[in-house]
Amino acid sequence: MGRRVAIRFVAELQRQAEQTYNNLFTYEQLYQIAQGTPRNKLSWRVGYIAKAYSVREYCCGPPDLHLQIPNMSDFIESLNHHGYLLKKGHRVYKVQTASI
């Protein structure tokens, strides 16, 4: 996977984290952001926000990135290995570079 794809993806994660004041993403959300799933089809909820475990619904979905990622789990593992994502639990990741 190219560096340019990773940079675009992480930049979008940072944008989403700053916009929603939440830097935690589920695997499904990461996949939807990468694929550019249409906004009306997003299941844009996460139940692992801070320690309160409350559910937060977001006002908008990701832009149309349409990244060509053949193996999403390997891509996420690579971002984790390089320090961009931190695995927080089962299929939950924290964006490390967001300033929130």
C-alpha atoms as a PDB file:
ATOM      1  CA  MET A   1       0.000   0.000   0.000  1.00  0.00           C
ATOM      2  CA  GLY A   2       1.394   3.352  -0.980  1.00  0.00           C
ATOM      3  CA  ARG A   3       2.385   6.060   1.430  1.00  0.00           C
ATOM      4  CA  ARG A   4       0.122   8.552  -0.327  1.00  0.00           C
ATOM      5  CA  VAL A   5      -2.951   6.404   0.384  1.00  0.00           C
ATOM      6  CA  ALA A   6      -2.001   6.133   4.052  1.00  0.00           C
ATOM      7  CA  ILE A   7      -1.488   9.896   4.309  1.00  0.00           C
ATOM      8  CA  ARG A   8      -4.890  10.635   2.740  1.00  0.00           C
ATOM      9  CA  PHE A   9      -6.581   8.118   5.018  1.00  0.00           C
ATOM     10  CA  VAL A  10      -4.945   9.370   8.229  1.00  0.00           C
ATOM     11  CA  ALA A  11      -5.679  12.986   7.246  1.00  0.00           C
ATOM     12  CA  GLU A  12      -9.362  12.112   6.909  1.00  0.00           C
ATOM     13  CA  LEU A  13      -9.326  10.312  10.268  1.00  0.00           C
ATOM     14  CA  GLN A  14      -7.808  13.414  11.846  1.00  0.00           C
ATOM     15  CA  ARG A  15     -10.476  15.598  10.247  1.00  0.00           C
ATOM     16  CA  GLN A  16     -13.248  13.335  11.513  1.00  0.00           C
ATOM     17  CA  ALA A  17     -11.689  13.201  15.007  1.00  0.00           C
ATOM     18  CA  GLU A  18     -11.430  16.984  15.233  1.00  0.00           C
ATOM     19  CA  GLN A  19     -14.925  17.499  13.845  1.00  0.00           C
ATOM     20  CA  THR A  20     -16.569  15.089  16.284  1.00  0.00           C
ATOM     21  CA  TYR A  21     -14.213  15.547  19.279  1.00  0.00           C
ATOM     22  CA  ASN A  22     -13.730  11.790  19.264  1.00  0.00           C
ATOM     23  CA  ASN A  23     -10.597   9.995  18.118  1.00  0.00           C
ATOM     24  CA  LEU A  24     -11.957   6.450  18.491  1.00  0.00           C
ATOM     25  CA  PHE A  25     -13.115   4.519  15.425  1.00  0.00           C
ATOM     26  CA  THR A  26     -14.472   1.017  14.984  1.00  0.00           C
ATOM     27  CA  TYR A  27     -13.088  -1.231  12.270  1.00  0.00           C
ATOM     28  CA  GLU A  28     -16.353  -0.799  10.368  1.00  0.00           C
ATOM     29  CA  GLN A  29     -16.032   2.995  10.479  1.00  0.00           C
ATOM     30  CA  LEU A  30     -12.447   2.811   9.236  1.00  0.00           C
ATOM     31  CA  TYR A  31     -13.594   0.597   6.362  1.00  0.00           C
ATOM     32  CA  GLN A  32     -16.475   2.951   5.504  1.00  0.00           C
ATOM     33  CA  ILE A  33     -14.174   5.984   5.510  1.00  0.00           C
ATOM     34  CA  ALA A  34     -11.681   4.258   3.198  1.00  0.00           C
ATOM     35  CA  GLN A  35     -14.339   3.017   0.778  1.00  0.00           C
ATOM     36  CA  GLY A  36     -16.255   6.291   0.659  1.00  0.00           C
ATOM     37  CA  THR A  37     -19.580   4.648   1.521  1.00  0.00           C
ATOM     38  CA  PRO A  38     -22.457   7.004   0.675  1.00  0.00           C
ATOM     39  CA  ARG A  39     -23.414   9.104   3.704  1.00  0.00           C
ATOM     40  CA  ASN A  40     -26.981   7.825   3.868  1.00  0.00           C
ATOM     41  CA  LYS A  41     -25.769   4.226   4.239  1.00  0.00           C
ATOM     42  CA  LEU A  42     -23.340   4.790   7.098  1.00  0.00           C
ATOM     43  CA  SER A  43     -23.814   3.157  10.443  1.00  0.00           C
ATOM     44  CA  TRP A  44     -21.966   6.037  12.053  1.00  0.00           C
ATOM     45  CA  ARG A  45     -22.079   5.170  15.748  1.00  0.00           C
ATOM     46  CA  VAL A  46     -19.488   4.120  18.287  1.00  0.00           C
ATOM     47  CA  GLY A  47     -20.089   2.821  21.786  1.00  0.00           C
ATOM     48  CA  TYR A  48     -16.569   3.172  23.152  1.00  0.00           C
ATOM     49  CA  ILE A  49     -16.351   6.916  23.716  1.00  0.00           C
ATOM     50  CA  ALA A  50     -14.046   7.749  26.609  1.00  0.00           C
ATOM     51  CA  LYS A  51     -14.897   5.814  29.752  1.00  0.00           C
ATOM     52  CA  ALA A  52     -18.585   6.692  29.759  1.00  0.00           C
ATOM     53  CA  TYR A  53     -19.398   4.061  27.093  1.00  0.00           C
ATOM     54  CA  SER A  54     -22.109   6.322  25.740  1.00  0.00           C
ATOM     55  CA  VAL A  55     -23.242   6.188  22.130  1.00  0.00           C
ATOM     56  CA  ARG A  56     -22.616   9.277  20.038  1.00  0.00           C
ATOM     57  CA  GLU A  57     -24.151   9.856  16.626  1.00  0.00           C
ATOM     58  CA  TYR A  58     -22.291  12.015  14.179  1.00  0.00           C
ATOM     59  CA  CYS A  59     -23.792  14.696  12.009  1.00  0.00           C
ATOM     60  CA  CYS A  60     -22.059  13.738   8.800  1.00  0.00           C
ATOM     61  CA  GLY A  61     -20.209  10.903   7.140  1.00  0.00           C
ATOM     62  CA  PRO A  62     -16.846  10.789   5.451  1.00  0.00           C
ATOM     63  CA  PRO A  63     -16.125  12.382   2.087  1.00  0.00           C
ATOM     64  CA  ASP A  64     -15.825  10.223  -0.994  1.00  0.00           C
ATOM     65  CA  LEU A  65     -12.249   8.971  -0.640  1.00  0.00           C
ATOM     66  CA  HIS A  66     -12.740   5.729  -2.608  1.00  0.00           C
ATOM     67  CA  LEU A  67      -9.301   4.431  -1.636  1.00  0.00           C
ATOM     68  CA  GLN A  68      -8.196   1.237  -3.349  1.00  0.00           C
ATOM     69  CA  ILE A  69      -7.173  -0.926  -0.379  1.00  0.00           C
ATOM     70  CA  PRO A  70      -7.050  -4.629  -1.278  1.00  0.00           C
ATOM     71  CA  ASN A  71      -6.674  -5.906   2.313  1.00  0.00           C
ATOM     72  CA  MET A  72      -8.132  -3.535   4.896  1.00  0.00           C
ATOM     73  CA  SER A  73      -7.042  -5.524   7.947  1.00  0.00           C
ATOM     74  CA  ASP A  74      -3.396  -5.515   6.790  1.00  0.00           C
ATOM     75  CA  PHE A  75      -3.638  -1.779   6.050  1.00  0.00           C
ATOM     76  CA  ILE A  76      -4.992  -1.025   9.539  1.00  0.00           C
ATOM     77  CA  GLU A  77      -2.359  -3.283  11.114  1.00  0.00           C
ATOM     78  CA  SER A  78       0.340  -1.382   9.209  1.00  0.00           C
ATOM     79  CA  LEU A  79      -1.009   1.968  10.458  1.00  0.00           C
ATOM     80  CA  ASN A  80      -1.015   0.504  13.964  1.00  0.00           C
ATOM     81  CA  HIS A  81       2.564  -0.726  13.564  1.00  0.00           C
ATOM     82  CA  HIS A  82       3.744   2.723  12.399  1.00  0.00           C
ATOM     83  CA  GLY A  83       2.017   4.506  15.284  1.00  0.00           C
ATOM     84  CA  TYR A  84      -0.848   6.238  13.472  1.00  0.00           C
ATOM     85  CA  LEU A  85      -3.524   4.041  15.050  1.00  0.00           C
ATOM     86  CA  LEU A  86      -3.564   2.513  18.516  1.00  0.00           C
ATOM     87  CA  LYS A  87      -5.649  -0.586  19.069  1.00  0.00           C
ATOM     88  CA  LYS A  88      -7.889   0.096  22.073  1.00  0.00           C
ATOM     89  CA  GLY A  89     -10.029  -3.019  22.121  1.00  0.00           C
ATOM     90  CA  HIS A  90     -11.702  -5.554  19.891  1.00  0.00           C
ATOM     91  CA  ARG A  91     -11.992  -3.782  16.509  1.00  0.00           C
ATOM     92  CA  VAL A  92     -11.683  -0.308  18.095  1.00  0.00           C
ATOM     93  CA  TYR A  93      -8.801   2.028  17.197  1.00  0.00           C
ATOM     94  CA  LYS A  94      -7.631   5.427  18.384  1.00  0.00           C
ATOM     95  CA  VAL A  95      -6.096   7.964  16.000  1.00  0.00           C
ATOM     96  CA  GLN A  96      -2.798   8.938  17.602  1.00  0.00           C
ATOM     97  CA  THR A  97      -2.028  12.045  15.570  1.00  0.00           C
ATOM     98  CA  ALA A  98      -5.291  13.918  16.210  1.00  0.00           C
ATOM     99  CA  SER A  99      -4.938  16.969  18.437  1.00  0.00           C
ATOM    100  CA  ILE A 100      -8.025  16.643  20.608  1.00  0.00           C
END
